[in-house]
Amino acid sequence: MSQRPLRPAKLEGGEQEWTRHEDKARNEKADNAEIEDITQLTTFPLSLEETTRTNNNTSESESESFSNIDIIENNAFFIPNLIYTSSEESRVIRILDTRLFPWVLLTTFVLNMDRTNLSNAVSDNLPEDLGFTTDTVNLGTAIYSVLFSLACLGGAVVCKIVHPARWIPVSMFCWGLVTMSHALIKDQGGFLTVRCMIAITEGGVIPATLIYLGSFYRSTELATRLAWFWGVQTIASAVSGLIASGLLQLQGVSGLEGWKWLFLVDGIITVLVAVLTWFYLPRNAMLTEGGIRGWKPWFEEKQVQIAVTRIVRDDPSKRLYEQRVHWTDIRDAATDLGLWGHLFITAVGLTPTTPLGVYLPSVIKTFNFSVFAANALTAPPYILQCCTTVLFIWHSDRIGERGVHGIFGATWQLIGWILLRCLPSNTSKGVKYFAALFVACWPYTHPLNIAWMSENTGSIGKRTLASGCVIFSANIYGVWGSQIYQAKDAPDYHTGNTINIVFAAIAVCLWVVQKGYYKERNKRNKRIWEGLGESERKRAEREKEGEGNGSLLFRFTT
């Protein structure tokens, strides 16, 4: 990745009004003074002991303004009146982008290599070798989707107990062992058993990673990082195809099929990365020394204070970022219509990606390419999708808009499926490959949807549940999505592609509805606020943090 930090965006909303005004005042003050003067004006301790003394003397009025929470108990490096320049903050972001984020991308790269290898194995006659048809593959995919989705919900909660920096490498180690166990499969029962186990071990990693990133980056910085997060997954799919084109040629070596060699190598890589990840990922910005991170901390003491304070200013509930989920969070999440909208966008809009992801090498193979060429030809679509996804979400961050960008991505996918469906059977393989490439490289809207949801969710506990729920939705669609391409519909899958068109069209409509819903919420909040008296406004300001996105002062990103 570039050494230059990714640029924070200025969004229309997604944060509380008082927080934005506080940041604006701070930035104006910093811009109008020399750095030397700012250093003199800044009230921050030179040591942890001074931090403790300073905050223990916090005035009663200041304590009330921060919800009577003991700041020292929550985080000794959160300094309410800390002043810093934009260049100082940029240096902190640069360290995160060059020291932390690349390793997070490595973990998701490995995850998606292991999730993609099934499609490569199917193109190498895995069903025939084990004595079943693609219908059993579909059944395995459906079971995988259910268990993976349930594991996402559980993983989001468990990682708050054991901490994401520990949960991620432990999960990786477990699914690496299960990936290697594919080499022991003898029949249909063994195949389905292993697919169940790998779903359970992989499921909790993505929500844990989302929660982990949220403790280092502001909400307006997450969308572009999530674009890279899922963009790297598409690169992993491309690399997986290239690796498969080589490893599948080991057919018969040591008495193993080529696809068994594929699972063995992928599993070994995963286990090795898991061990390294255990010693690399820090729990937070205060604990970055030790392990293979190096004995010197990543941040100086003031940089730690900036890293912590800027996150709390972005979202005051992050003072208690390691708090656990409560029943009130479950109730709030279950009754949040905006959250349900994001879940429907995910489950419906991503449904067509299941048949495409599982059968893309096989579909390309039907264009009269060899099995090795078919797997290699899956690389260009995935690389292009990484580029389109990062660029269009970067643009979303740049102009501070979400809904229209989501509509654009969903429409691209819809056009691609229409193109693939309308091609006659006697079309040249070059044109067919272009159509498959077009639909496969659509700007992936999932990271944009997650960032949008995160900005508009509110409290930490609710956001934790929302992270698990959205990843649940991002996998449960595999239950029905895995049944779209049927063996009797091969090789052109006209019926399946018609179904994909319907899902893609509904997704476009859902993006339109979601944007309209948030715009209406903002108008409603403004109307009610303007009708309040002075005492009611003061009460609303006092209660805004506890109310989350239910507060009249919360402005939704649209």
Protein backbone atom coordinates (compact mmCIF):
# COMPACT_ATOMS: atom_id res chain seq x y z
CA MET A 1 0.00 0.00 0.00
CA SER A 2 0.99 3.61 -0.44
CA GLN A 3 2.84 5.30 2.39
CA ARG A 4 0.45 8.20 2.08
CA PRO A 5 -2.55 7.98 4.44
CA LEU A 6 -6.01 7.60 2.96
CA ARG A 7 -7.85 10.89 3.00
CA PRO A 8 -10.64 11.26 5.59
CA ALA A 9 -13.93 12.28 3.98
CA LYS A 10 -16.44 14.95 4.96
CA LEU A 11 -19.83 13.28 4.99
CA GLU A 12 -23.24 14.90 5.13
CA GLY A 13 -24.04 13.24 8.44
CA GLY A 14 -23.64 9.99 10.29
CA GLU A 15 -22.39 11.73 13.42
CA GLN A 16 -23.88 13.80 16.19
CA GLU A 17 -24.17 17.55 15.65
CA TRP A 18 -22.32 18.51 18.84
CA THR A 19 -19.37 16.30 17.89
CA ARG A 20 -19.02 17.93 14.49
CA HIS A 21 -19.17 21.43 15.97
CA GLU A 22 -16.51 20.52 18.53
CA ASP A 23 -14.20 19.21 15.77
CA LYS A 24 -14.84 22.31 13.65
CA ALA A 25 -13.92 24.64 16.49
CA ARG A 26 -10.82 22.61 17.27
CA ASN A 27 -9.64 22.59 13.64
CA GLU A 28 -10.24 26.34 13.22
CA LYS A 29 -8.22 27.04 16.36
CA ALA A 30 -5.39 24.80 15.19
CA ASP A 31 -5.27 26.33 11.72
CA ASN A 32 -4.96 29.87 13.09
CA ALA A 33 -1.91 29.22 15.25
CA GLU A 34 1.66 28.15 14.75
CA ILE A 35 2.52 24.63 15.84
CA GLU A 36 4.64 26.04 18.67
CA ASP A 37 1.68 27.99 19.99
CA ILE A 38 -0.57 25.00 19.67
CA THR A 39 1.83 22.94 21.70
CA GLN A 40 1.68 25.53 24.46
CA LEU A 41 -2.11 25.69 24.35
CA THR A 42 -2.54 21.93 24.31
CA THR A 43 -3.52 20.43 27.62
CA PHE A 44 -2.16 16.93 27.58
CA PRO A 45 0.04 15.16 30.11
CA LEU A 46 3.59 14.08 29.47
CA SER A 47 3.07 10.76 31.22
CA LEU A 48 0.40 8.31 32.26
CA GLU A 49 0.76 9.50 35.87
CA GLU A 50 0.04 13.09 34.81
CA THR A 51 -2.92 11.80 32.82
CA THR A 52 -4.32 10.29 35.97
CA ARG A 53 -3.75 13.44 38.04
CA THR A 54 -5.25 15.69 35.37
CA ASN A 55 -8.42 13.69 34.93
CA ASN A 56 -8.90 13.11 38.65
CA ASN A 57 -9.19 16.89 38.97
CA THR A 58 -11.84 17.16 36.25
CA SER A 59 -14.52 19.65 37.22
CA GLU A 60 -18.04 18.59 38.09
CA SER A 61 -19.49 20.36 35.06
CA GLU A 62 -16.98 18.72 32.70
CA SER A 63 -17.75 15.32 34.18
CA GLU A 64 -21.44 15.89 33.57
CA SER A 65 -20.82 16.83 29.94
CA PHE A 66 -19.21 13.43 29.40
CA SER A 67 -22.09 11.48 30.90
CA ASN A 68 -20.47 11.20 34.36
CA ILE A 69 -18.16 8.46 33.10
CA ASP A 70 -14.76 8.18 34.80
CA ILE A 71 -12.42 8.82 31.87
CA ILE A 72 -9.42 7.26 33.60
CA GLU A 73 -11.30 4.06 34.20
CA ASN A 74 -12.30 3.89 30.53
CA ASN A 75 -9.15 5.10 28.79
CA ALA A 76 -6.28 7.05 30.32
CA PHE A 77 -5.25 8.43 26.92
CA PHE A 78 -8.59 10.07 26.11
CA ILE A 79 -7.97 13.80 26.68
CA PRO A 80 -11.22 15.81 26.25
CA ASN A 81 -9.51 19.16 25.57
CA LEU A 82 -6.60 17.81 23.52
CA ILE A 83 -5.63 20.09 20.62
CA TYR A 84 -3.67 18.81 17.64
CA THR A 85 -3.07 19.79 14.02
CA SER A 86 -4.34 17.97 10.96
CA SER A 87 -0.75 17.06 10.07
CA GLU A 88 -0.31 15.40 13.46
CA GLU A 89 -3.47 13.39 12.90
CA SER A 90 -2.31 12.49 9.40
CA ARG A 91 0.89 11.03 10.83
CA VAL A 92 -1.17 8.82 13.15
CA ILE A 93 -3.33 7.66 10.24
CA ARG A 94 -0.22 7.00 8.18
CA ILE A 95 1.14 4.70 10.88
CA LEU A 96 -2.15 2.83 11.02
CA ASP A 97 -2.29 2.53 7.23
CA THR A 98 1.27 1.22 6.95
CA ARG A 99 1.68 -0.85 10.14
CA LEU A 100 -1.77 -2.19 11.04
CA PHE A 101 -4.03 -2.16 7.99
CA PRO A 102 -1.80 -4.19 5.63
CA TRP A 103 -1.79 -7.08 8.12
CA VAL A 104 -5.58 -6.92 8.38
CA LEU A 105 -5.68 -7.13 4.58
CA LEU A 106 -3.41 -10.18 4.76
CA THR A 107 -5.85 -12.00 7.05
CA THR A 108 -8.82 -11.34 4.76
CA PHE A 109 -6.69 -12.28 1.72
CA VAL A 110 -6.05 -15.69 3.28
CA LEU A 111 -9.71 -16.04 4.24
CA ASN A 112 -10.96 -15.51 0.71
CA MET A 113 -8.34 -17.79 -0.81
CA ASP A 114 -9.77 -20.55 1.37
CA ARG A 115 -13.35 -19.60 0.50
CA THR A 116 -12.67 -19.51 -3.24
CA ASN A 117 -10.79 -22.78 -3.59
CA LEU A 118 -14.00 -24.82 -3.69
CA SER A 119 -14.94 -23.32 -7.05
CA ASN A 120 -11.49 -24.20 -8.38
CA ALA A 121 -11.81 -27.73 -7.02
CA VAL A 122 -15.25 -28.20 -8.62
CA SER A 123 -13.80 -27.29 -12.02
CA ASP A 124 -11.23 -30.08 -11.45
CA ASN A 125 -13.98 -32.72 -11.17
CA LEU A 126 -14.24 -32.87 -7.37
CA PRO A 127 -17.90 -34.04 -7.54
CA GLU A 128 -17.07 -36.86 -9.96
CA ASP A 129 -14.06 -37.98 -7.89
CA LEU A 130 -16.22 -38.25 -4.75
CA GLY A 131 -19.19 -39.87 -6.50
CA PHE A 132 -21.85 -37.15 -6.53
CA THR A 133 -23.17 -34.32 -8.75
CA THR A 134 -23.21 -30.54 -8.55
CA ASP A 135 -26.50 -30.82 -6.66
CA THR A 136 -24.50 -32.08 -3.66
CA VAL A 137 -22.12 -29.14 -4.11
CA ASN A 138 -25.17 -26.86 -3.97
CA LEU A 139 -26.34 -28.61 -0.80
CA GLY A 140 -22.90 -28.18 0.76
CA THR A 141 -22.93 -24.50 -0.18
CA ALA A 142 -26.36 -24.02 1.38
CA ILE A 143 -25.31 -25.73 4.63
CA TYR A 144 -22.11 -23.70 4.65
CA SER A 145 -24.11 -20.48 4.26
CA VAL A 146 -26.41 -21.25 7.20
CA LEU A 147 -23.63 -22.25 9.59
CA PHE A 148 -21.31 -19.44 8.46
CA SER A 149 -24.09 -16.93 9.05
CA LEU A 150 -24.84 -18.24 12.54
CA ALA A 151 -21.13 -18.22 13.33
CA CYS A 152 -21.01 -14.55 12.30
CA LEU A 153 -23.62 -13.65 14.91
CA GLY A 154 -21.83 -15.63 17.61
CA GLY A 155 -18.42 -14.41 16.56
CA ALA A 156 -19.42 -10.74 16.83
CA VAL A 157 -20.38 -11.26 20.48
CA VAL A 158 -17.54 -13.62 21.42
CA CYS A 159 -14.86 -11.33 20.01
CA LYS A 160 -16.00 -8.60 22.41
CA ILE A 161 -15.23 -11.02 25.26
CA VAL A 162 -11.87 -12.45 24.11
CA HIS A 163 -10.93 -9.40 21.95
CA PRO A 164 -10.66 -9.39 18.12
CA ALA A 165 -6.84 -9.42 18.24
CA ARG A 166 -7.07 -12.90 19.75
CA TRP A 167 -10.25 -14.20 18.13
CA ILE A 168 -9.03 -13.56 14.58
CA PRO A 169 -5.80 -15.65 14.72
CA VAL A 170 -7.45 -18.47 16.71
CA SER A 171 -10.22 -18.74 14.11
CA MET A 172 -7.67 -18.66 11.30
CA PHE A 173 -5.66 -21.48 12.84
CA CYS A 174 -8.78 -23.63 13.21
CA TRP A 175 -10.06 -23.16 9.67
CA GLY A 176 -6.54 -23.72 8.32
CA LEU A 177 -6.55 -27.19 9.87
CA VAL A 178 -10.03 -27.87 8.48
CA THR A 179 -8.93 -26.71 5.01
CA MET A 180 -6.10 -29.25 5.04
CA SER A 181 -8.56 -31.95 6.10
CA HIS A 182 -10.21 -31.72 2.65
CA ALA A 183 -7.39 -34.02 1.52
CA LEU A 184 -8.94 -36.79 3.68
CA ILE A 185 -12.38 -36.66 2.05
CA LYS A 186 -13.51 -39.97 0.54
CA ASP A 187 -17.22 -39.57 -0.14
CA GLN A 188 -20.29 -37.32 0.07
CA GLY A 189 -20.58 -37.60 3.84
CA GLY A 190 -16.99 -36.51 4.35
CA PHE A 191 -17.46 -33.58 1.97
CA LEU A 192 -20.55 -32.26 3.78
CA THR A 193 -18.93 -32.74 7.21
CA VAL A 194 -15.84 -30.76 6.27
CA ARG A 195 -17.93 -27.97 4.71
CA CYS A 196 -19.87 -27.71 7.99
CA MET A 197 -16.68 -27.45 10.03
CA ILE A 198 -15.06 -24.85 7.84
CA ALA A 199 -18.19 -22.70 7.96
CA ILE A 200 -18.17 -22.73 11.76
CA THR A 201 -14.48 -21.85 12.01
CA GLU A 202 -14.49 -19.12 9.34
CA GLY A 203 -17.74 -17.43 10.30
CA GLY A 204 -16.72 -15.13 13.13
CA VAL A 205 -13.70 -13.53 11.50
CA ILE A 206 -15.26 -10.82 9.31
CA PRO A 207 -17.49 -9.24 11.99
CA ALA A 208 -14.55 -9.40 14.42
CA THR A 209 -12.38 -7.58 11.87
CA LEU A 210 -15.03 -4.88 11.33
CA ILE A 211 -15.23 -4.30 15.08
CA TYR A 212 -11.43 -4.26 15.31
CA LEU A 213 -11.03 -1.66 12.55
CA GLY A 214 -13.67 0.53 14.17
CA SER A 215 -11.45 0.93 17.22
CA PHE A 216 -8.69 2.56 15.13
CA TYR A 217 -10.52 4.48 12.36
CA ARG A 218 -13.20 7.15 12.38
CA SER A 219 -16.53 6.36 10.74
CA THR A 220 -15.75 8.68 7.81
CA GLU A 221 -12.48 6.80 7.20
CA LEU A 222 -13.93 3.31 7.19
CA ALA A 223 -15.64 3.14 3.80
CA THR A 224 -12.45 3.41 1.75
CA ARG A 225 -10.67 0.95 4.05
CA LEU A 226 -13.57 -1.48 3.72
CA ALA A 227 -13.35 -1.08 -0.05
CA TRP A 228 -9.74 -2.24 0.18
CA PHE A 229 -10.80 -4.97 2.61
CA TRP A 230 -13.24 -6.50 0.14
CA GLY A 231 -11.16 -5.47 -2.83
CA VAL A 232 -8.29 -7.57 -1.52
CA GLN A 233 -10.73 -10.46 -1.22
CA THR A 234 -11.32 -10.24 -4.98
CA ILE A 235 -7.55 -10.15 -5.51
CA ALA A 236 -7.35 -13.27 -3.35
CA SER A 237 -9.90 -14.93 -5.63
CA ALA A 238 -7.76 -13.98 -8.62
CA VAL A 239 -4.59 -15.33 -7.00
CA SER A 240 -6.46 -18.47 -5.98
CA GLY A 241 -7.37 -19.07 -9.60
CA LEU A 242 -3.78 -18.62 -10.72
CA ILE A 243 -2.46 -20.88 -7.96
CA ALA A 244 -5.11 -23.46 -8.79
CA SER A 245 -4.12 -23.50 -12.45
CA GLY A 246 -0.70 -24.71 -11.28
CA LEU A 247 -1.54 -26.93 -8.30
CA LEU A 248 -4.30 -28.80 -10.14
CA GLN A 249 -1.60 -30.13 -12.45
CA LEU A 250 -0.23 -32.15 -9.50
CA GLN A 251 -2.97 -34.67 -10.26
CA GLY A 252 -1.74 -38.12 -9.20
CA VAL A 253 1.35 -36.95 -7.26
CA SER A 254 1.57 -39.03 -4.04
CA GLY A 255 -1.73 -40.59 -5.05
CA LEU A 256 -3.71 -37.39 -4.51
CA GLU A 257 -6.06 -35.59 -6.86
CA GLY A 258 -5.04 -32.10 -7.96
CA TRP A 259 -7.83 -30.42 -5.97
CA LYS A 260 -6.60 -32.14 -2.77
CA TRP A 261 -3.18 -30.57 -3.29
CA LEU A 262 -4.94 -27.22 -3.64
CA PHE A 263 -6.63 -27.55 -0.25
CA LEU A 264 -3.43 -28.80 1.42
CA VAL A 265 -1.32 -25.87 0.26
CA ASP A 266 -4.01 -23.30 1.10
CA GLY A 267 -4.41 -24.80 4.58
CA ILE A 268 -0.68 -24.73 5.32
CA ILE A 269 -0.48 -21.07 4.28
CA THR A 270 -3.43 -20.23 6.54
CA VAL A 271 -1.95 -21.93 9.62
CA LEU A 272 1.38 -20.13 9.18
CA VAL A 273 -0.29 -16.72 8.79
CA ALA A 274 -2.50 -17.44 11.83
CA VAL A 275 0.51 -18.04 14.06
CA LEU A 276 2.18 -14.84 12.88
CA THR A 277 -1.09 -12.89 13.33
CA TRP A 278 -1.28 -13.95 16.99
CA PHE A 279 2.03 -12.18 17.62
CA TYR A 280 1.34 -9.16 15.41
CA LEU A 281 -2.14 -7.68 15.91
CA PRO A 282 -2.15 -5.18 18.82
CA ARG A 283 -5.12 -4.93 21.17
CA ASN A 284 -5.22 -1.15 20.83
CA ALA A 285 -3.09 1.91 20.08
CA MET A 286 -1.58 1.84 23.59
CA LEU A 287 -0.16 -1.68 23.24
CA THR A 288 1.82 -1.78 20.00
CA GLU A 289 5.23 -2.93 21.22
CA GLY A 290 6.35 -6.54 21.58
CA GLY A 291 5.87 -9.69 19.52
CA ILE A 292 6.87 -9.42 15.88
CA ARG A 293 5.66 -5.81 15.88
CA GLY A 294 9.04 -4.81 17.31
CA TRP A 295 10.10 -3.72 20.77
CA LYS A 296 9.57 -0.03 20.02
CA PRO A 297 5.96 1.28 20.18
CA TRP A 298 4.40 2.45 16.91
CA PHE A 299 3.29 5.73 18.48
CA GLU A 300 4.81 8.36 20.70
CA GLU A 301 2.74 9.24 23.76
CA LYS A 302 1.01 12.24 22.23
CA GLN A 303 0.26 10.20 19.11
CA VAL A 304 -1.44 7.62 21.32
CA GLN A 305 -3.55 10.41 22.82
CA ILE A 306 -4.46 11.62 19.32
CA ALA A 307 -5.26 8.07 18.18
CA VAL A 308 -7.62 7.55 21.11
CA THR A 309 -9.14 11.03 21.38
CA ARG A 310 -10.00 11.41 17.70
CA ILE A 311 -11.94 8.13 17.77
CA VAL A 312 -13.92 9.15 20.86
CA ARG A 313 -14.67 12.56 19.37
CA ASP A 314 -15.95 10.85 16.25
CA ASP A 315 -18.22 8.64 18.37
CA PRO A 316 -18.41 9.30 22.15
CA SER A 317 -19.65 5.77 22.83
CA LYS A 318 -16.21 4.46 21.82
CA ARG A 319 -14.86 5.53 25.22
CA LEU A 320 -16.29 2.17 26.21
CA TYR A 321 -15.29 0.37 23.02
CA GLU A 322 -14.58 -2.91 24.79
CA GLN A 323 -17.91 -3.02 26.58
CA ARG A 324 -20.07 -6.09 26.04
CA VAL A 325 -23.45 -6.34 24.38
CA HIS A 326 -26.54 -5.73 26.54
CA TRP A 327 -30.19 -6.67 26.08
CA THR A 328 -31.07 -3.05 25.37
CA ASP A 329 -28.69 -3.17 22.39
CA ILE A 330 -30.50 -6.24 21.08
CA ARG A 331 -33.86 -4.50 21.42
CA ASP A 332 -32.62 -1.33 19.71
CA ALA A 333 -31.10 -3.30 16.84
CA ALA A 334 -34.25 -5.39 16.33
CA THR A 335 -36.46 -2.27 16.07
CA ASP A 336 -34.16 -0.20 13.83
CA LEU A 337 -35.81 -0.03 10.39
CA GLY A 338 -32.68 1.43 8.84
CA LEU A 339 -30.66 -1.59 9.96
CA TRP A 340 -33.24 -3.94 8.47
CA GLY A 341 -32.95 -2.05 5.20
CA HIS A 342 -29.20 -2.65 5.09
CA LEU A 343 -29.74 -6.34 5.83
CA PHE A 344 -32.24 -6.70 2.96
CA ILE A 345 -29.90 -4.86 0.59
CA THR A 346 -27.19 -7.35 1.52
CA ALA A 347 -29.25 -10.53 1.30
CA VAL A 348 -30.97 -9.61 -1.96
CA GLY A 349 -28.23 -7.69 -3.75
CA LEU A 350 -25.53 -10.28 -3.16
CA THR A 351 -27.63 -13.35 -4.02
CA PRO A 352 -26.43 -13.47 -7.67
CA THR A 353 -22.82 -13.59 -6.49
CA THR A 354 -23.28 -17.12 -5.11
CA PRO A 355 -23.71 -18.95 -8.44
CA LEU A 356 -21.11 -16.67 -9.99
CA GLY A 357 -18.57 -17.31 -7.23
CA VAL A 358 -19.06 -21.07 -7.06
CA TYR A 359 -19.27 -21.77 -10.77
CA LEU A 360 -17.29 -18.99 -12.52
CA PRO A 361 -14.37 -21.32 -13.46
CA SER A 362 -16.86 -23.98 -14.55
CA VAL A 363 -18.86 -21.47 -16.59
CA ILE A 364 -15.71 -20.23 -18.33
CA LYS A 365 -14.76 -23.87 -18.92
CA THR A 366 -18.03 -24.33 -20.86
CA PHE A 367 -16.76 -21.67 -23.30
CA ASN A 368 -14.38 -24.39 -24.58
CA PHE A 369 -11.37 -23.45 -22.44
CA SER A 370 -9.26 -26.09 -20.68
CA VAL A 371 -9.67 -26.52 -16.92
CA PHE A 372 -6.28 -24.87 -16.31
CA ALA A 373 -7.03 -21.93 -18.63
CA ALA A 374 -10.52 -21.53 -17.12
CA ASN A 375 -9.09 -21.15 -13.62
CA ALA A 376 -6.43 -18.70 -14.83
CA LEU A 377 -9.08 -16.65 -16.68
CA THR A 378 -10.95 -16.02 -13.42
CA ALA A 379 -8.12 -13.67 -12.39
CA PRO A 380 -8.86 -10.65 -14.67
CA PRO A 381 -12.51 -10.22 -13.53
CA TYR A 382 -11.52 -10.28 -9.86
CA ILE A 383 -8.64 -7.84 -10.36
CA LEU A 384 -10.91 -5.47 -12.27
CA GLN A 385 -13.56 -5.75 -9.56
CA CYS A 386 -11.02 -4.70 -6.95
CA CYS A 387 -10.23 -1.60 -9.02
CA THR A 388 -13.85 -0.65 -9.69
CA THR A 389 -14.85 -1.22 -6.07
CA VAL A 390 -12.06 0.86 -4.55
CA LEU A 391 -12.51 3.69 -7.04
CA PHE A 392 -16.25 4.05 -6.68
CA ILE A 393 -16.20 3.86 -2.86
CA TRP A 394 -13.28 6.30 -2.78
CA HIS A 395 -15.47 8.66 -4.80
CA SER A 396 -18.33 8.06 -2.37
CA ASP A 397 -16.06 9.11 0.50
CA ARG A 398 -14.76 12.10 -1.43
CA ILE A 399 -18.16 13.69 -2.10
CA GLY A 400 -19.87 12.38 1.05
CA GLU A 401 -22.71 10.42 -0.59
CA ARG A 402 -23.77 6.78 -0.25
CA GLY A 403 -27.17 6.00 -1.79
CA VAL A 404 -26.59 7.04 -5.41
CA HIS A 405 -23.27 5.19 -5.46
CA GLY A 406 -25.01 2.05 -4.24
CA ILE A 407 -27.64 2.43 -6.97
CA PHE A 408 -24.85 2.76 -9.55
CA GLY A 409 -23.13 -0.45 -8.42
CA ALA A 410 -26.38 -2.43 -8.28
CA THR A 411 -27.37 -1.20 -11.76
CA TRP A 412 -24.00 -2.30 -13.19
CA GLN A 413 -24.63 -5.81 -11.88
CA LEU A 414 -28.16 -5.80 -13.33
CA ILE A 415 -26.90 -4.82 -16.81
CA GLY A 416 -24.24 -7.53 -16.64
CA TRP A 417 -26.74 -10.29 -15.90
CA ILE A 418 -29.03 -9.08 -18.69
CA LEU A 419 -26.10 -9.19 -21.10
CA LEU A 420 -25.09 -12.71 -20.05
CA ARG A 421 -28.70 -13.95 -20.25
CA CYS A 422 -29.39 -12.55 -23.71
CA LEU A 423 -26.37 -14.07 -25.46
CA PRO A 424 -27.41 -16.90 -27.85
CA SER A 425 -25.86 -20.35 -27.36
CA ASN A 426 -23.75 -20.12 -30.52
CA THR A 427 -22.00 -16.90 -29.44
CA SER A 428 -18.21 -17.02 -29.73
CA LYS A 429 -16.31 -17.89 -26.55
CA GLY A 430 -14.58 -14.50 -26.60
CA VAL A 431 -17.90 -12.61 -26.41
CA LYS A 432 -19.19 -14.97 -23.72
CA TYR A 433 -16.05 -14.42 -21.67
CA PHE A 434 -16.46 -10.65 -22.01
CA ALA A 435 -20.02 -10.89 -20.70
CA ALA A 436 -18.88 -13.01 -17.74
CA LEU A 437 -16.04 -10.56 -17.10
CA PHE A 438 -18.43 -7.58 -17.17
CA VAL A 439 -20.81 -9.00 -14.59
CA ALA A 440 -17.98 -10.32 -12.39
CA CYS A 441 -16.16 -6.96 -12.21
CA TRP A 442 -19.16 -4.90 -11.02
CA PRO A 443 -18.38 -2.37 -8.25
CA TYR A 444 -18.99 -4.51 -5.17
CA THR A 445 -21.50 -2.58 -3.04
CA HIS A 446 -21.13 -4.64 0.14
CA PRO A 447 -18.34 -2.56 1.81
CA LEU A 448 -20.23 0.64 0.94
CA ASN A 449 -23.38 -0.78 2.52
CA ILE A 450 -21.51 -1.79 5.69
CA ALA A 451 -19.84 1.61 6.05
CA TRP A 452 -23.20 3.33 5.51
CA MET A 453 -24.81 1.10 8.13
CA SER A 454 -21.98 1.70 10.61
CA GLU A 455 -22.23 5.48 10.24
CA ASN A 456 -25.95 5.43 10.92
CA THR A 457 -26.14 2.83 13.70
CA GLY A 458 -25.33 4.72 16.93
CA SER A 459 -24.13 2.91 20.05
CA ILE A 460 -21.19 0.48 20.25
CA GLY A 461 -23.27 -2.47 21.46
CA LYS A 462 -25.80 -1.97 18.68
CA ARG A 463 -23.04 -1.58 16.12
CA THR A 464 -21.48 -4.84 17.31
CA LEU A 465 -24.76 -6.67 16.72
CA ALA A 466 -25.25 -4.88 13.41
CA SER A 467 -21.81 -6.05 12.25
CA GLY A 468 -22.73 -9.65 13.01
CA CYS A 469 -26.16 -9.29 11.42
CA VAL A 470 -24.90 -7.78 8.18
CA ILE A 471 -22.28 -10.52 7.76
CA PHE A 472 -25.03 -13.02 8.59
CA SER A 473 -27.08 -11.54 5.74
CA ALA A 474 -24.00 -11.53 3.52
CA ASN A 475 -23.85 -15.32 3.79
CA ILE A 476 -27.35 -16.62 4.49
CA TYR A 477 -28.36 -15.78 0.91
CA GLY A 478 -26.16 -18.69 -0.11
CA VAL A 479 -29.00 -21.00 1.02
CA TRP A 480 -31.18 -19.97 -1.91
CA GLY A 481 -28.42 -18.55 -4.09
CA SER A 482 -26.74 -21.97 -4.23
CA GLN A 483 -29.84 -23.40 -5.89
CA ILE A 484 -29.98 -20.93 -8.78
CA TYR A 485 -27.66 -22.83 -11.11
CA GLN A 486 -28.99 -26.36 -11.57
CA ALA A 487 -27.30 -29.19 -13.46
CA LYS A 488 -30.27 -29.50 -15.86
CA ASP A 489 -29.88 -25.81 -16.78
CA ALA A 490 -26.24 -26.17 -17.90
CA PRO A 491 -24.30 -25.01 -19.81
CA ASP A 492 -25.96 -21.64 -20.54
CA TYR A 493 -28.01 -21.40 -17.30
CA HIS A 494 -30.74 -19.33 -18.93
CA THR A 495 -33.22 -19.95 -16.11
CA GLY A 496 -30.61 -19.23 -13.46
CA ASN A 497 -29.53 -15.99 -15.07
CA THR A 498 -33.16 -14.86 -15.32
CA ILE A 499 -33.45 -15.36 -11.56
CA ASN A 500 -30.24 -13.36 -11.10
CA ILE A 501 -31.76 -10.50 -13.10
CA VAL A 502 -34.78 -10.40 -10.78
CA PHE A 503 -32.63 -10.23 -7.64
CA ALA A 504 -30.39 -7.54 -9.14
CA ALA A 505 -33.42 -5.42 -10.12
CA ILE A 506 -34.90 -5.65 -6.63
CA ALA A 507 -31.54 -4.60 -5.19
CA VAL A 508 -31.59 -1.38 -7.23
CA CYS A 509 -35.03 -0.58 -5.80
CA LEU A 510 -33.88 -1.28 -2.24
CA TRP A 511 -30.96 1.17 -2.56
CA VAL A 512 -33.41 3.86 -3.72
CA VAL A 513 -35.74 3.17 -0.77
CA GLN A 514 -32.88 3.22 1.76
CA LYS A 515 -31.63 6.62 0.63
CA GLY A 516 -35.17 8.01 0.74
CA TYR A 517 -35.71 6.62 4.24
CA TYR A 518 -32.63 8.34 5.69
CA LYS A 519 -33.44 11.64 3.99
CA GLU A 520 -36.92 11.51 5.49
CA ARG A 521 -35.51 10.73 8.97
CA ASN A 522 -33.28 13.81 8.76
CA LYS A 523 -36.21 16.01 7.70
CA ARG A 524 -38.39 14.62 10.50
CA ASN A 525 -35.71 15.21 13.15
CA LYS A 526 -35.22 18.77 11.95
CA ARG A 527 -38.96 19.44 12.04
CA ILE A 528 -39.35 18.14 15.57
CA TRP A 529 -36.23 19.97 16.80
CA GLU A 530 -37.48 23.30 15.48
CA GLY A 531 -40.71 22.80 17.44
CA LEU A 532 -39.00 22.15 20.79
CA GLY A 533 -38.71 24.65 23.59
CA GLU A 534 -35.42 25.65 25.25
CA SER A 535 -35.76 23.19 28.15
CA GLU A 536 -36.66 20.32 25.80
CA ARG A 537 -33.64 21.06 23.63
CA LYS A 538 -31.33 21.00 26.63
CA ARG A 539 -32.75 17.66 27.71
CA ALA A 540 -32.28 16.28 24.19
CA GLU A 541 -28.65 17.43 24.25
CA ARG A 542 -28.06 15.74 27.60
CA GLU A 543 -29.57 12.47 26.40
CA LYS A 544 -28.12 12.39 22.88
CA GLU A 545 -25.31 9.92 23.60
CA GLY A 546 -27.58 7.38 25.27
CA GLU A 547 -30.20 7.62 22.51
CA GLY A 548 -27.73 6.90 19.70
CA ASN A 549 -29.30 7.33 16.27
CA GLY A 550 -32.68 7.83 17.96
CA SER A 551 -31.58 11.27 19.10
CA LEU A 552 -33.02 14.30 17.33
CA LEU A 553 -29.44 15.60 17.07
CA PHE A 554 -28.24 12.60 15.08
CA ARG A 555 -27.86 13.32 11.39
CA PHE A 556 -28.00 10.32 9.08
CA THR A 557 -25.60 9.95 6.19
CA THR A 558 -27.56 9.69 2.95
